[in-house]
Amino acid sequence: MTPQAEAPTIPQGLIEKLRAAKRVAVLTGAGASAESGVPTFREAQTGLWAEHRPEDLATPQAFEKNPGRVWEWYEWRRSLIRDVTPNEGHYALARMEKLLAGQKANLTLITQNVDGLHQQAGSQNVLELHGNIQRTKCAQCGNVATHWEKSTSLPQCEQNNCEGLLRPDVVWFGESLPLNVLRQAIATAQGCDIFFSIGTSVLVQPAASLPAMALEAKATVVEINPNPTPITERVTYALEGLSGDILPRLVARIWD
């Protein structure tokens, strides 16, 4: 049996900085959701879906060419997410947000994930860079909806008799991130006292630039990840491990 790696020590300096912080920013990536069992995009390409390229399933061109196949793919992904629940890392971030609010500070959570697990755990101030798989939007008028008529036919927009086809409200390959959300994320990174980079490889732009922006703004930058990333050598504190292990201990050290 392979021995488990020893959990990293929570640095005293980080504890003191968090107790004094007024603006905390958190960026989460696929690793945070993987701890709950959410498969990544490519991990979900199994079985019948293994033969399809991302260009066949997650681009505007794929939807225009074969909307039925795209809908079937996303219904499959939703079915996978329905079977998972937030993990201890999600709950720790939600608790941290509430505790910081109690000391007249704020936490803004920026996520690359589309599963909505942060909100399920109780986080309120969430910026979704890549959208949310549990929402749809009209490919014609852009109206966003969290409920839609599920039937054998393709769902259509009911806003003002638009009747355009609904599509998942996620950012597809080749699409730009929502500009207002990206602007808020950049402002958050540049204006925070402490920036957490959690469960992200820091490779996918433009989210990958946010930790660097925080560093340039002289913020304390904390990385929580099982493996080194391109920013590991530059951050203030690098805690190697899972967020579900480290974040609850961090919260307990400060507020319990």
Foldseek 3Di string as FASTA:
>chain_A
DDDDDDFDDDDPVVLVLLVVWAAEEEEEEPQQVVVQVQDDPQRLCDDPNVVDDLVCAFDPVNCVVCVPVNVVSLVSSLVRLVPTAHFLLLLLVQVSQVVSVVVNHGYAYEYQDQDCRSVRSHHDRYQHQFYHSQWKAFPPPGRIDNDFDDDPDFTADPPVPPRGGIDGGGAGPPGHTDPVSVVVLQCSLLPTQEYEYAHDQLPDPPVSCSPVNNVVSVHQYEYEEQDDHPCQVPHNYYGHDHSSPPSVVSSVVNPD
